[in-house]
């Protein structure tokens, strides 16, 4: 009886994992210093990042649906650009850039500060 429960539980777990994967596209998140990011100038522009100071730059498209956020609070691209400019002057802050691999577009750019 325990074997049957285990099999049923395993099947349910696999089905829920498959459903989860279908609802969330595969992503890659870069965590880079603000000095390693060139922010877009327009909502349908590009963002350029490099993972380290000796790495090559990669350029990806942003869209009007790209989310810009600080500490979980969404903000406009203009306000986010100003924030990044201020953080560049303060020191080594990290910016997270989330790439939607299927569409090759940036879905979210976000910063968490103390």
Protein backbone atom coordinates (compact mmCIF):
# COMPACT_ATOMS: atom_id res chain seq x y z
CA UNK A 1 0.00 0.00 0.00
CA UNK A 2 2.83 2.40 0.82
CA UNK A 3 4.39 1.67 -2.58
CA UNK A 4 1.17 2.70 -4.36
CA UNK A 5 1.01 5.95 -2.36
CA UNK A 6 4.61 6.67 -3.25
CA UNK A 7 3.99 6.08 -6.95
CA UNK A 8 0.87 8.28 -6.94
CA UNK A 9 2.69 11.04 -5.08
CA UNK A 10 5.62 10.84 -7.53
CA UNK A 11 3.31 11.08 -10.53
CA UNK A 12 1.50 14.09 -9.06
CA UNK A 13 4.80 15.77 -8.32
CA UNK A 14 6.04 15.25 -11.89
CA UNK A 15 2.78 16.60 -13.33
CA UNK A 16 2.95 19.73 -11.18
CA UNK A 17 6.58 20.32 -12.18
CA UNK A 18 5.64 20.06 -15.86
CA UNK A 19 2.77 22.52 -15.38
CA UNK A 20 5.07 24.93 -13.57
CA UNK A 21 7.64 24.75 -16.37
CA UNK A 22 5.00 25.52 -19.01
CA UNK A 23 3.91 28.71 -17.22
CA UNK A 24 7.39 30.15 -16.71
CA UNK A 25 9.68 30.61 -19.69
CA UNK A 26 13.34 29.73 -19.30
CA UNK A 27 15.40 32.69 -18.17
CA UNK A 28 18.98 33.66 -17.54
CA UNK A 29 19.69 36.27 -14.91
CA UNK A 30 22.88 38.30 -14.99
CA UNK A 31 24.03 39.78 -11.71
CA UNK A 32 26.48 42.49 -12.66
CA UNK A 33 27.94 45.66 -11.22
CA UNK A 34 26.29 48.91 -12.31
CA UNK A 35 29.48 49.87 -14.13
CA UNK A 36 29.08 46.74 -16.32
CA UNK A 37 25.61 47.79 -17.61
CA UNK A 38 24.70 50.20 -20.37
CA UNK A 39 21.08 51.11 -19.75
CA UNK A 40 18.59 51.53 -22.59
CA UNK A 41 17.68 55.06 -23.65
CA UNK A 42 14.19 54.09 -24.86
CA UNK A 43 11.53 51.54 -23.92
CA UNK A 44 12.14 49.64 -27.17
CA UNK A 45 15.92 49.94 -27.07
CA UNK A 46 18.74 47.69 -25.97
CA UNK A 47 20.63 47.00 -22.80
CA UNK A 48 24.26 45.93 -22.81
CA UNK A 49 25.80 43.84 -20.04
CA UNK A 50 28.96 41.92 -19.36
CA UNK A 51 29.36 39.40 -16.60
CA UNK A 52 32.90 40.44 -15.64
CA UNK A 53 35.40 43.17 -16.47
CA UNK A 54 37.27 40.86 -18.88
CA UNK A 55 34.11 39.38 -20.46
CA UNK A 56 32.66 40.52 -23.77
CA UNK A 57 29.60 42.75 -23.78
CA UNK A 58 26.25 41.22 -24.75
CA UNK A 59 23.42 43.35 -26.11
CA UNK A 60 19.77 42.38 -25.67
CA UNK A 61 16.48 44.06 -26.57
CA UNK A 62 14.16 45.63 -24.02
CA UNK A 63 10.49 46.24 -24.73
CA UNK A 64 7.70 48.35 -23.31
CA UNK A 65 6.89 45.30 -21.14
CA UNK A 66 10.34 45.22 -19.52
CA UNK A 67 10.02 45.82 -15.78
CA UNK A 68 12.46 48.09 -13.93
CA UNK A 69 12.41 47.79 -10.13
CA UNK A 70 14.29 48.70 -6.97
CA UNK A 71 13.72 46.72 -3.78
CA UNK A 72 10.58 45.21 -5.29
CA UNK A 73 9.03 48.53 -6.31
CA UNK A 74 8.43 49.02 -10.05
CA UNK A 75 9.54 52.29 -11.61
CA UNK A 76 9.76 53.97 -15.01
CA UNK A 77 12.81 53.53 -17.21
CA UNK A 78 13.72 57.21 -16.73
CA UNK A 79 13.62 56.96 -12.93
CA UNK A 80 15.56 53.70 -13.04
CA UNK A 81 18.26 55.25 -15.25
CA UNK A 82 18.65 58.10 -12.74
CA UNK A 83 18.93 55.56 -9.92
CA UNK A 84 21.62 53.60 -11.77
CA UNK A 85 23.56 56.80 -12.47
CA UNK A 86 23.50 57.68 -8.74
CA UNK A 87 24.56 54.16 -7.74
CA UNK A 88 27.51 54.30 -10.14
CA UNK A 89 28.85 57.25 -8.15
CA UNK A 90 28.34 55.51 -4.79
CA UNK A 91 30.36 52.37 -5.51
CA UNK A 92 29.91 48.75 -6.47
CA UNK A 93 26.19 48.02 -6.50
CA UNK A 94 24.76 44.99 -8.30
CA UNK A 95 22.09 45.08 -10.99
CA UNK A 96 20.12 41.98 -11.97
CA UNK A 97 19.14 41.65 -15.62
CA UNK A 98 16.69 38.85 -16.45
CA UNK A 99 16.76 37.56 -20.03
CA UNK A 100 13.81 35.60 -21.45
CA UNK A 101 15.69 32.98 -23.46
CA UNK A 102 12.78 32.11 -25.75
CA UNK A 103 12.25 35.67 -27.00
CA UNK A 104 15.82 36.92 -26.42
CA UNK A 105 14.41 40.00 -24.71
CA UNK A 106 14.97 41.43 -21.25
CA UNK A 107 11.94 40.86 -19.05
CA UNK A 108 13.16 42.57 -15.86
CA UNK A 109 16.00 44.76 -14.59
CA UNK A 110 16.13 45.12 -10.84
CA UNK A 111 18.28 46.25 -7.93
CA UNK A 112 18.16 45.39 -4.24
CA UNK A 113 19.92 47.70 -1.81
CA UNK A 114 20.33 47.61 1.96
